């Protein structure tokens, strides 16, 4: 009996000594300095105190599920493992304990389980008929916090929302055509037969006054003879105004038949009729149509030649109906073609057609461009920019800051406490890499322009988890039955 009592005393002393040594070790750093005050230790819970003095853990910066007891490399990406800080372990432990010890959780608002944008101040039903779920103060908002060294590794860059001027402009495509104001159609003024063709191919360049073809026309021969008769008669029988009137009438008839001036002067000088009369080019340009052949009988309705002056061309482009307010006659434009990269032609809007294409719902706009060197060829495809004028004093962000979704746009907003949060924005015009912000942001707010997709993905994941996680304790009076007699969270089945 005495031996048993002696053994108990020895065990008690050993336990007391080991506990004292453990407390001393917990309270001492290397070099014998105290690691924390007794007051600080007294404020810690048992779980927090254990986490602080547990063996350090190492985690992958990019794959937090990879946790090791000692330094090393991530088996997935090969990055060096970094120490898991004590506050992170404590936070993880707190998440495991739920809301115990924190009192009743404060509800901020109620949301639809399948549509977090549907918010209400009290319980109810969503448009889909599902019970709204509460969002608590300790979990409101899909905010993301990133440590500075991770932020640097991810290459996250930010910029501030500014005010400025954006140019309204329309980027579109079209094709080049000849300026129809500079196109001439060549028809004979009377019937006859082709004797000789001087210009024989489409695409040939001709100068104004150059002979195109020569033809025999009985009416022109008759008009020359009448002119000679009038001149001989007037010289014998008439004087003064009567003589001049007869000569002018005969000469005018030759001009109306488009007899060249050189043929009329020869007629006056030599008094001989020219049987074959040439037809001259009315302007300089390129032959775009050839409708005559050797020996062909031609009439006034015969379209012998089309000649286009390409020193100025048109560009026909299409714009959508919502862009019509920006397009006015005289607005400046720029045109580029793939055949000559880097070169830009400047011009203006020449005409806006009055009707829309019922199939494409677009409107044709005609641009006028100078083309002295002939570099722009008809039927070339062209890229065009129509400038609609400046839009002043608007909120501006770089275009790359916008995250586009099917039915909305977002940006990642950086708060003063260095947390990140996705924010829905409404955008306006886009101009030269900048975008107008109509709503959702204020001037001076800081927005992420690089790495925002990673943050947005993390935020979406957190928001999804919040929607899918059922609260641990429903507040009193919130589990009211739904209209079909089932409680919140129950689903019907066949």
Protein backbone atom coordinates (compact mmCIF):
# COMPACT_ATOMS: atom_id res chain seq x y z
CA UNK A 1 0.00 0.00 0.00
CA UNK A 2 2.81 2.33 0.87
CA UNK A 3 4.56 1.41 -2.39
CA UNK A 4 1.43 2.34 -4.34
CA UNK A 5 1.15 5.75 -2.64
CA UNK A 6 4.83 6.42 -3.28
CA UNK A 7 4.35 5.66 -6.97
CA UNK A 8 1.40 8.10 -7.23
CA UNK A 9 3.45 10.90 -5.65
CA UNK A 10 6.31 10.32 -8.08
CA UNK A 11 3.94 10.44 -11.11
CA UNK A 12 2.32 13.65 -9.86
CA UNK A 13 5.69 15.36 -9.45
CA UNK A 14 6.75 14.22 -12.95
CA UNK A 15 3.58 15.60 -14.57
CA UNK A 16 3.98 18.91 -12.71
CA UNK A 17 7.59 19.27 -13.88
CA UNK A 18 6.74 18.41 -17.50
CA UNK A 19 3.91 20.97 -17.54
CA UNK A 20 6.23 23.65 -16.17
CA UNK A 21 8.83 22.87 -18.80
CA UNK A 22 6.18 23.02 -21.55
CA UNK A 23 4.98 26.44 -20.37
CA UNK A 24 8.54 27.69 -20.21
CA UNK A 25 9.23 26.44 -23.73
CA UNK A 26 6.09 28.06 -25.07
CA UNK A 27 7.05 31.33 -23.42
CA UNK A 28 10.68 31.39 -24.62
CA UNK A 29 12.24 32.06 -28.04
CA UNK A 30 15.74 31.23 -29.16
CA UNK A 31 18.24 33.14 -27.01
CA UNK A 32 16.06 32.87 -23.94
CA UNK A 33 13.79 35.84 -24.76
CA UNK A 34 10.08 35.55 -24.00
CA UNK A 35 7.99 34.89 -27.13
CA UNK A 36 4.81 36.53 -25.82
CA UNK A 37 3.53 38.12 -22.69
CA UNK A 38 1.44 36.21 -20.22
CA UNK A 39 -1.37 38.71 -20.82
CA UNK A 40 -1.37 37.93 -24.55
CA UNK A 41 -1.31 34.21 -23.88
CA UNK A 42 -4.18 34.57 -21.46
CA UNK A 43 -6.35 36.08 -24.21
CA UNK A 44 -5.81 33.10 -26.54
CA UNK A 45 -8.14 30.17 -26.69
CA UNK A 46 -6.70 26.72 -26.34
CA UNK A 47 -7.04 26.16 -30.10
CA UNK A 48 -5.31 29.46 -30.94
CA UNK A 49 -2.48 28.76 -28.48
CA UNK A 50 -1.99 25.29 -29.94
CA UNK A 51 -1.93 26.58 -33.51
CA UNK A 52 0.65 29.27 -32.61
CA UNK A 53 3.09 26.75 -31.23
CA UNK A 54 2.42 23.88 -33.59
CA UNK A 55 5.02 22.70 -36.06
CA UNK A 56 5.15 25.08 -39.08
CA UNK A 57 3.34 24.07 -42.27
CA UNK A 58 4.39 24.82 -45.85
CA UNK A 59 1.94 25.48 -48.67
CA UNK A 60 2.11 26.08 -52.44
CA UNK A 61 1.27 29.72 -53.39
CA UNK A 62 -0.73 28.59 -56.45
CA UNK A 63 -2.20 25.33 -55.12
CA UNK A 64 -3.27 25.81 -51.47
CA UNK A 65 -4.36 22.19 -51.22
CA UNK A 66 -0.68 21.17 -51.27
CA UNK A 67 0.45 21.36 -47.59
CA UNK A 68 3.68 19.80 -46.27
CA UNK A 69 5.44 19.62 -42.90
CA UNK A 70 8.78 20.79 -44.30
CA UNK A 71 10.11 23.01 -47.12
CA UNK A 72 10.11 21.65 -50.67
CA UNK A 73 8.58 22.08 -54.11
CA UNK A 74 5.00 21.85 -55.30
CA UNK A 75 4.46 18.56 -57.19
CA UNK A 76 2.05 20.33 -59.57
CA UNK A 77 3.77 23.57 -60.62
CA UNK A 78 7.23 23.16 -59.11
CA UNK A 79 7.10 26.43 -57.11
CA UNK A 80 8.82 26.64 -53.73
CA UNK A 81 6.54 25.95 -50.79
CA UNK A 82 6.12 28.90 -48.40
CA UNK A 83 5.39 28.87 -44.65
CA UNK A 84 1.73 28.91 -43.70
CA UNK A 85 1.44 31.82 -41.30
CA UNK A 86 -0.10 31.34 -37.89
CA UNK A 87 -2.98 33.71 -38.52
CA UNK A 88 -3.98 31.69 -41.59
CA UNK A 89 -4.05 28.51 -39.55
CA UNK A 90 -6.06 30.25 -36.86
CA UNK A 91 -8.51 31.53 -39.46
CA UNK A 92 -8.86 28.06 -40.89
CA UNK A 93 -9.51 26.71 -37.42
CA UNK A 94 -12.10 29.40 -36.79
CA UNK A 95 -13.92 28.41 -39.97
CA UNK A 96 -14.08 24.88 -38.69
CA UNK A 97 -15.70 25.93 -35.44
CA UNK A 98 -18.48 27.86 -37.19
CA UNK A 99 -20.26 30.61 -35.32
CA UNK A 100 -19.80 29.10 -31.87
CA UNK A 101 -18.79 31.63 -29.27
CA UNK A 102 -19.55 34.60 -31.53
CA UNK A 103 -23.13 35.05 -30.52
CA UNK A 104 -26.02 35.38 -32.91
CA UNK A 105 -24.94 36.18 -36.50
CA UNK A 106 -26.20 39.43 -38.04
CA UNK A 107 -28.16 39.13 -41.30
CA UNK A 108 -27.46 41.84 -43.89
CA UNK A 109 -29.98 40.91 -46.59
CA UNK A 110 -31.66 38.00 -48.34
CA UNK A 111 -30.80 36.69 -51.81
CA UNK A 112 -32.14 34.17 -54.30
CA UNK A 113 -30.12 30.92 -54.22
CA UNK A 114 -29.78 30.87 -58.03
CA UNK A 115 -29.50 34.63 -58.64
CA UNK A 116 -27.40 36.56 -56.09
CA UNK A 117 -28.32 39.87 -57.77
CA UNK A 118 -31.91 39.43 -56.52
CA UNK A 119 -31.74 40.98 -53.01
CA UNK A 120 -34.44 41.74 -50.45
CA UNK A 121 -34.51 43.14 -46.91
CA UNK A 122 -36.69 40.35 -45.54
CA UNK A 123 -37.48 36.66 -46.19
CA UNK A 124 -39.58 35.74 -49.17
CA UNK A 125 -39.65 33.98 -52.52
CA UNK A 126 -37.41 34.44 -55.54
CA UNK A 127 -38.88 34.88 -59.06
CA UNK A 128 -38.21 31.14 -59.53
CA UNK A 129 -40.30 30.28 -56.47
CA UNK A 130 -37.37 29.34 -54.23
CA UNK A 131 -36.99 30.54 -50.65
CA UNK A 132 -34.55 33.42 -50.21
CA UNK A 133 -31.47 32.62 -48.13
CA UNK A 134 -29.79 34.99 -45.64
CA UNK A 135 -26.39 36.59 -46.17
CA UNK A 136 -24.59 37.21 -42.87
CA UNK A 137 -22.29 40.08 -41.98
CA UNK A 138 -19.28 37.76 -41.68
CA UNK A 139 -19.74 36.39 -45.19
CA UNK A 140 -21.26 39.29 -47.16
CA UNK A 141 -19.74 40.03 -50.53
CA UNK A 142 -17.36 37.92 -52.57
CA UNK A 143 -14.32 39.98 -51.56
CA UNK A 144 -10.85 38.58 -52.11
CA UNK A 145 -7.72 39.36 -50.12
CA UNK A 146 -4.29 38.70 -51.60
CA UNK A 147 -0.96 38.93 -49.82
CA UNK A 148 1.45 41.47 -51.32
CA UNK A 149 4.02 38.91 -52.43
CA UNK A 150 1.34 36.81 -54.16
CA UNK A 151 -0.04 39.97 -55.77
CA UNK A 152 3.43 40.70 -57.12
CA UNK A 153 3.89 37.16 -58.44
CA UNK A 154 0.54 37.29 -60.23
CA UNK A 155 1.51 40.56 -61.93
CA UNK A 156 -1.57 42.42 -60.72
CA UNK A 157 -1.61 46.04 -61.92
CA UNK A 158 -4.17 48.72 -61.14
CA UNK A 159 -5.19 52.10 -62.49
CA UNK A 160 -7.55 54.84 -61.38
CA UNK A 161 -10.80 55.91 -62.99
CA UNK A 162 -10.24 59.28 -64.68
CA UNK A 163 -12.26 61.87 -66.57
CA UNK A 164 -11.44 62.88 -70.10
CA UNK A 165 -12.54 63.09 -73.73
CA UNK A 166 -13.27 60.15 -76.01
CA UNK A 167 -13.77 60.33 -79.76
CA UNK A 168 -16.86 58.61 -81.05
CA UNK A 169 -15.87 56.54 -84.05
CA UNK A 170 -17.16 53.66 -86.12
CA UNK A 171 -14.95 50.91 -87.48
CA UNK A 172 -16.41 49.26 -90.56
CA UNK A 173 -15.50 47.67 -93.87
CA UNK A 174 -16.48 48.31 -97.45
CA UNK A 175 -15.29 48.31 -101.04
CA UNK A 176 -13.93 50.90 -103.43
CA UNK A 177 -15.84 52.06 -106.51
CA UNK A 178 -15.27 54.72 -109.14
CA UNK A 179 -16.65 58.16 -108.37
CA UNK A 180 -19.73 58.24 -110.60
CA UNK A 181 -19.44 62.01 -110.86
CA UNK A 182 -16.21 61.39 -112.80
CA UNK A 183 -17.53 58.66 -115.13
CA UNK A 184 -18.43 59.48 -118.76
CA UNK A 185 -20.52 57.36 -121.13
CA UNK A 186 -19.70 57.69 -124.83
CA UNK A 187 -22.56 57.40 -127.38
CA UNK A 188 -22.62 58.44 -131.05
CA UNK A 189 -24.95 61.36 -131.86
CA UNK A 190 -26.18 59.71 -135.06
CA UNK A 191 -26.25 56.31 -136.77
CA UNK A 192 -23.31 55.03 -138.77
CA UNK A 193 -20.72 52.33 -139.32
CA UNK A 194 -17.44 51.85 -137.48
CA UNK A 195 -14.47 52.37 -139.81
CA UNK A 196 -11.60 52.24 -137.32
CA UNK A 197 -11.15 51.64 -133.59
CA UNK A 198 -8.25 53.41 -131.85
CA UNK A 199 -8.81 52.20 -128.25
CA UNK A 200 -9.46 48.49 -128.20
CA UNK A 201 -9.22 47.24 -124.60
CA UNK A 202 -10.86 47.77 -121.24
CA UNK A 203 -8.37 49.23 -118.78
CA UNK A 204 -6.56 51.38 -121.33
CA UNK A 205 -5.83 54.92 -120.19
CA UNK A 206 -7.00 57.72 -122.49
CA UNK A 207 -6.55 61.48 -122.41
CA UNK A 208 -9.25 64.04 -122.99
CA UNK A 209 -9.61 64.71 -126.73
CA UNK A 210 -7.92 61.47 -127.80
CA UNK A 211 -9.71 59.66 -130.70
CA UNK A 212 -11.60 56.55 -129.57
CA UNK A 213 -12.97 55.39 -132.92
CA UNK A 214 -13.89 56.78 -136.38
CA UNK A 215 -17.18 56.09 -138.14
CA UNK A 216 -19.05 56.94 -141.30
CA UNK A 217 -22.35 58.72 -140.60
CA UNK A 218 -24.54 59.86 -143.54
CA UNK A 219 -26.17 62.56 -141.42
CA UNK A 220 -22.79 64.11 -140.59
CA UNK A 221 -21.78 64.05 -144.27
CA UNK A 222 -25.10 65.74 -145.15
CA UNK A 223 -24.57 68.41 -142.48
CA UNK A 224 -21.12 69.23 -143.90
CA UNK A 225 -22.55 69.61 -147.39
CA UNK A 226 -25.31 71.91 -146.09
CA UNK A 227 -22.65 74.05 -144.42
CA UNK A 228 -20.75 74.43 -147.72
CA UNK A 229 -23.98 75.29 -149.59
CA UNK A 230 -24.91 77.89 -146.97
CA UNK A 231 -21.47 79.47 -147.19
CA UNK A 232 -21.59 79.71 -151.02
CA UNK A 233 -25.16 81.02 -151.03
CA UNK A 234 -24.50 83.62 -148.37
CA UNK A 235 -21.47 84.94 -150.20
CA UNK A 236 -23.54 85.65 -153.39
CA UNK A 237 -27.00 86.70 -152.31
CA UNK A 238 -27.01 87.72 -148.61
CA UNK A 239 -25.24 90.37 -146.62
CA UNK A 240 -25.04 91.46 -142.98
CA UNK A 241 -27.00 89.65 -140.27
CA UNK A 242 -28.76 87.22 -142.61
CA UNK A 243 -25.42 85.91 -143.84
CA UNK A 244 -24.07 85.46 -140.33
CA UNK A 245 -27.27 83.75 -139.14
CA UNK A 246 -27.22 81.16 -141.91
CA UNK A 247 -23.56 80.33 -141.30
CA UNK A 248 -24.05 80.03 -137.54
CA UNK A 249 -27.02 77.68 -137.93
CA UNK A 250 -25.07 75.36 -140.23
CA UNK A 251 -22.06 75.38 -137.94
CA UNK A 252 -24.22 74.79 -134.84
CA UNK A 253 -25.71 71.67 -136.43
CA UNK A 254 -22.21 70.23 -136.89
CA UNK A 255 -21.38 70.98 -133.24
CA UNK A 256 -24.56 69.28 -132.03
CA UNK A 257 -23.58 66.16 -133.99
CA UNK A 258 -20.26 66.30 -132.08
CA UNK A 259 -18.16 66.83 -135.17
CA UNK A 260 -14.67 67.70 -133.86
CA UNK A 261 -13.52 71.31 -134.17
CA UNK A 262 -10.55 70.18 -136.27
CA UNK A 263 -12.94 68.68 -138.88
CA UNK A 264 -15.02 71.89 -139.03
CA UNK A 265 -11.92 74.07 -139.52
CA UNK A 266 -10.71 71.76 -142.30
CA UNK A 267 -14.14 72.04 -143.90
CA UNK A 268 -13.96 75.84 -143.76
CA UNK A 269 -10.39 75.98 -144.99
CA UNK A 270 -10.50 73.43 -147.82
CA UNK A 271 -14.21 73.28 -148.62
CA UNK A 272 -14.09 69.46 -148.67
CA UNK A 273 -16.40 67.04 -146.85
CA UNK A 274 -14.75 64.61 -144.38
CA UNK A 275 -16.36 61.22 -144.89
CA UNK A 276 -15.09 59.43 -141.73
CA UNK A 277 -15.37 61.46 -138.54
CA UNK A 278 -13.56 60.59 -135.26
CA UNK A 279 -15.24 60.40 -131.84
CA UNK A 280 -13.05 61.90 -129.08
CA UNK A 281 -12.68 61.01 -125.39
CA UNK A 282 -14.70 63.48 -123.26
CA UNK A 283 -12.33 63.17 -120.25
CA UNK A 284 -9.07 61.60 -119.16
CA UNK A 285 -9.38 58.26 -117.42
CA UNK A 286 -9.52 54.51 -117.76
CA UNK A 287 -11.78 52.60 -120.13
CA UNK A 288 -14.13 50.56 -117.96
CA UNK A 289 -16.47 49.44 -120.75
CA UNK A 290 -15.96 48.75 -124.46
CA UNK A 291 -19.07 48.21 -126.59
CA UNK A 292 -17.92 48.58 -130.22
CA UNK A 293 -16.09 46.43 -132.77
CA UNK A 294 -14.70 46.98 -136.28
CA UNK A 295 -17.44 47.44 -138.92
CA UNK A 296 -20.18 47.56 -136.31
CA UNK A 297 -23.36 49.53 -137.03
CA UNK A 298 -23.97 51.93 -134.18
CA UNK A 299 -26.90 54.11 -133.16
CA UNK A 300 -27.34 56.86 -130.54
CA UNK A 301 -28.42 54.26 -127.95
CA UNK A 302 -25.21 52.27 -128.43
CA UNK A 303 -23.02 52.51 -125.30
CA UNK A 304 -19.65 52.58 -127.01
CA UNK A 305 -17.32 53.38 -124.07
CA UNK A 306 -17.34 54.11 -120.35
CA UNK A 307 -14.41 56.19 -119.12
CA UNK A 308 -13.72 56.66 -115.40
CA UNK A 309 -11.42 59.24 -113.87
CA UNK A 310 -9.93 57.50 -110.79
CA UNK A 311 -8.20 60.55 -109.34
CA UNK A 312 -11.06 60.50 -106.83
CA UNK A 313 -12.94 57.38 -105.69
CA UNK A 314 -15.83 56.36 -103.50
CA UNK A 315 -15.76 53.85 -100.65
CA UNK A 316 -19.13 52.27 -99.86
CA UNK A 317 -19.39 51.01 -96.27
CA UNK A 318 -22.20 49.73 -94.05
CA UNK A 319 -23.05 50.95 -90.55
CA UNK A 320 -25.57 49.58 -88.05
CA UNK A 321 -28.73 51.49 -87.30
CA UNK A 322 -27.73 52.28 -83.70
CA UNK A 323 -24.67 54.14 -85.10
CA UNK A 324 -26.62 56.43 -87.42
CA UNK A 325 -26.58 59.41 -85.06
CA UNK A 326 -22.78 59.57 -85.40
CA UNK A 327 -22.74 59.63 -89.21
CA UNK A 328 -23.21 63.00 -90.90
CA UNK A 329 -22.15 64.38 -94.25
CA UNK A 330 -18.72 65.99 -94.03
CA UNK A 331 -17.48 63.93 -91.04
CA UNK A 332 -13.78 62.98 -91.34
CA UNK A 333 -12.86 59.41 -92.23
CA UNK A 334 -9.74 57.26 -92.55
CA UNK A 335 -9.35 54.36 -94.98
CA UNK A 336 -6.80 51.55 -95.09
CA UNK A 337 -6.35 48.67 -97.54
CA UNK A 338 -4.57 45.36 -97.03
CA UNK A 339 -2.51 45.82 -100.20
CA UNK A 340 -0.62 48.77 -98.67
CA UNK A 341 -0.26 48.22 -94.90
CA UNK A 342 0.61 51.30 -92.91
CA UNK A 343 -0.75 53.78 -95.44
CA UNK A 344 -3.79 55.87 -94.50
CA UNK A 345 -6.07 57.85 -96.82
CA UNK A 346 -8.08 60.71 -95.37
CA UNK A 347 -11.45 61.79 -96.71
CA UNK A 348 -14.98 62.63 -95.65
CA UNK A 349 -18.52 61.29 -95.61
CA UNK A 350 -20.02 62.20 -98.99
CA UNK A 351 -23.54 60.79 -98.74
CA UNK A 352 -25.72 58.81 -96.32
CA UNK A 353 -28.24 56.65 -98.17
CA UNK A 354 -31.86 57.07 -97.06
CA UNK A 355 -32.95 53.44 -96.60
CA UNK A 356 -31.70 50.42 -94.64
CA UNK A 357 -30.99 46.99 -95.98
CA UNK A 358 -33.92 44.95 -94.67
CA UNK A 359 -31.86 41.75 -94.41
CA UNK A 360 -28.69 43.03 -92.72
CA UNK A 361 -30.31 46.01 -90.92
CA UNK A 362 -27.43 48.21 -92.04
CA UNK A 363 -27.25 51.52 -93.86
CA UNK A 364 -24.87 52.24 -96.74
CA UNK A 365 -22.62 55.27 -96.35
CA UNK A 366 -20.54 56.68 -99.20
CA UNK A 367 -17.07 58.06 -98.47
CA UNK A 368 -15.13 60.27 -100.87
CA UNK A 369 -11.34 59.87 -101.09
CA UNK A 370 -8.63 61.57 -103.14
CA UNK A 371 -6.60 59.14 -105.26
CA UNK A 372 -4.15 61.17 -107.33
CA UNK A 373 -1.62 58.34 -107.66
CA UNK A 374 -4.29 55.74 -108.48
CA UNK A 375 -3.30 53.45 -105.60
CA UNK A 376 -6.92 52.77 -104.68
CA UNK A 377 -8.44 50.44 -107.24
CA UNK A 378 -12.16 49.82 -107.80
CA UNK A 379 -13.48 46.67 -106.08
CA UNK A 380 -10.70 46.64 -103.46
CA UNK A 381 -11.84 45.84 -99.91
CA UNK A 382 -11.14 48.62 -97.42
CA UNK A 383 -11.19 49.16 -93.65
CA UNK A 384 -12.71 52.49 -92.70
CA UNK A 385 -12.99 54.58 -89.54
CA UNK A 386 -15.71 57.24 -89.40
CA UNK A 387 -15.13 59.85 -86.69
CA UNK A 388 -18.35 61.06 -85.14
CA UNK A 389 -16.90 63.81 -82.94
CA UNK A 390 -15.65 64.11 -79.34
CA UNK A 391 -17.53 63.10 -76.20
CA UNK A 392 -16.20 65.21 -73.36
CA UNK A 393 -16.02 64.89 -69.56
CA UNK A 394 -16.68 61.15 -69.31
CA UNK A 395 -15.32 58.50 -66.94
CA UNK A 396 -12.57 56.52 -68.67
CA UNK A 397 -10.91 53.15 -68.07
CA UNK A 398 -8.52 51.07 -70.16
CA UNK A 399 -10.40 48.57 -72.25
CA UNK A 400 -8.48 45.62 -70.78
CA UNK A 401 -9.93 46.35 -67.32
CA UNK A 402 -13.40 45.25 -68.46
CA UNK A 403 -14.44 41.62 -67.98
CA UNK A 404 -17.17 40.83 -70.51
CA UNK A 405 -19.98 38.39 -69.81
CA UNK A 406 -22.96 37.41 -71.94
CA UNK A 407 -25.28 40.01 -70.42
CA UNK A 408 -23.09 42.26 -68.27
CA UNK A 409 -19.65 43.78 -67.77
CA UNK A 410 -17.53 43.79 -64.60
CA UNK A 411 -14.37 45.29 -63.22
CA UNK A 412 -12.31 44.31 -60.18
CA UNK A 413 -12.36 47.18 -57.67
CA UNK A 414 -9.54 47.58 -55.17
CA UNK A 415 -10.65 48.94 -51.79
CA UNK A 416 -8.64 51.04 -49.37
CA UNK A 417 -8.03 47.98 -47.18
CA UNK A 418 -6.34 46.23 -50.17
CA UNK A 419 -9.23 43.85 -50.68
CA UNK A 420 -10.62 43.17 -54.16
CA UNK A 421 -14.26 42.95 -55.20
CA UNK A 422 -16.01 42.48 -58.57
CA UNK A 423 -18.29 45.37 -59.49
CA UNK A 424 -20.90 45.45 -62.24
CA UNK A 425 -20.50 48.42 -64.60
CA UNK A 426 -22.33 49.84 -67.59
CA UNK A 427 -20.07 50.79 -70.47
CA UNK A 428 -20.47 53.29 -73.29
CA UNK A 429 -18.37 54.03 -76.34
CA UNK A 430 -14.98 52.40 -76.94
CA UNK A 431 -12.26 54.52 -78.50
CA UNK A 432 -8.59 53.71 -79.11
CA UNK A 433 -8.19 51.28 -76.21
CA UNK A 434 -10.32 53.31 -73.78
CA UNK A 435 -13.89 52.66 -72.68
CA UNK A 436 -16.52 54.99 -71.25
CA UNK A 437 -18.01 54.06 -67.85
CA UNK A 438 -21.66 55.10 -67.58
CA UNK A 439 -22.38 53.70 -64.11
CA UNK A 440 -20.89 51.52 -61.38
CA UNK A 441 -17.69 53.48 -60.65
CA UNK A 442 -16.60 56.91 -59.44
CA UNK A 443 -13.69 59.09 -60.43
CA UNK A 444 -10.53 58.19 -58.51
CA UNK A 445 -11.49 54.60 -57.67
CA UNK A 446 -8.77 52.01 -58.27
CA UNK A 447 -9.43 49.18 -60.71
CA UNK A 448 -7.36 46.13 -61.68
CA UNK A 449 -6.15 46.10 -65.30
CA UNK A 450 -3.94 42.98 -65.21
CA UNK A 451 -4.68 39.71 -63.43
CA UNK A 452 -8.34 40.58 -62.92
CA UNK A 453 -9.56 37.28 -64.40
CA UNK A 454 -7.87 35.28 -61.63
CA UNK A 455 -9.42 37.49 -58.96
CA UNK A 456 -12.83 37.34 -60.63
CA UNK A 457 -12.67 33.54 -60.79
CA UNK A 458 -11.82 33.34 -57.09
CA UNK A 459 -14.63 35.77 -56.27
CA UNK A 460 -17.14 33.77 -58.32
CA UNK A 461 -16.08 30.61 -56.52
CA UNK A 462 -16.59 32.20 -53.13
CA UNK A 463 -19.97 33.62 -54.14
CA UNK A 464 -21.06 30.20 -55.42
CA UNK A 465 -20.01 28.54 -52.16
CA UNK A 466 -21.96 31.12 -50.19
CA UNK A 467 -25.08 30.41 -52.22
CA UNK A 468 -24.73 26.65 -51.92
CA UNK A 469 -23.84 26.51 -48.22
CA UNK A 470 -26.84 26.13 -45.92
CA UNK A 471 -26.66 28.32 -42.76
CA UNK A 472 -25.86 26.29 -39.64
CA UNK A 473 -28.63 27.83 -37.57
CA UNK A 474 -31.76 29.37 -38.99
CA UNK A 475 -32.91 32.44 -37.01
CA UNK A 476 -36.19 32.08 -35.25
CA UNK A 477 -39.20 32.58 -37.44
CA UNK A 478 -37.28 32.23 -40.70
CA UNK A 479 -38.12 28.65 -41.54
CA UNK A 480 -41.69 29.40 -42.50
CA UNK A 481 -43.27 26.81 -44.76
CA UNK A 482 -43.53 27.61 -48.44
CA UNK A 483 -46.77 27.82 -50.39
CA UNK A 484 -46.71 24.10 -51.17
CA UNK A 485 -46.33 23.10 -47.53
CA UNK A 486 -42.60 22.29 -47.68
CA UNK A 487 -39.99 24.00 -45.58
CA UNK A 488 -37.14 25.99 -47.06
CA UNK A 489 -34.57 23.74 -48.65
CA UNK A 490 -36.99 20.86 -49.34
CA UNK A 491 -37.56 19.81 -52.92
CA UNK A 492 -40.52 18.04 -54.39
CA UNK A 493 -40.14 14.76 -56.25
CA UNK A 494 -42.06 12.29 -58.22
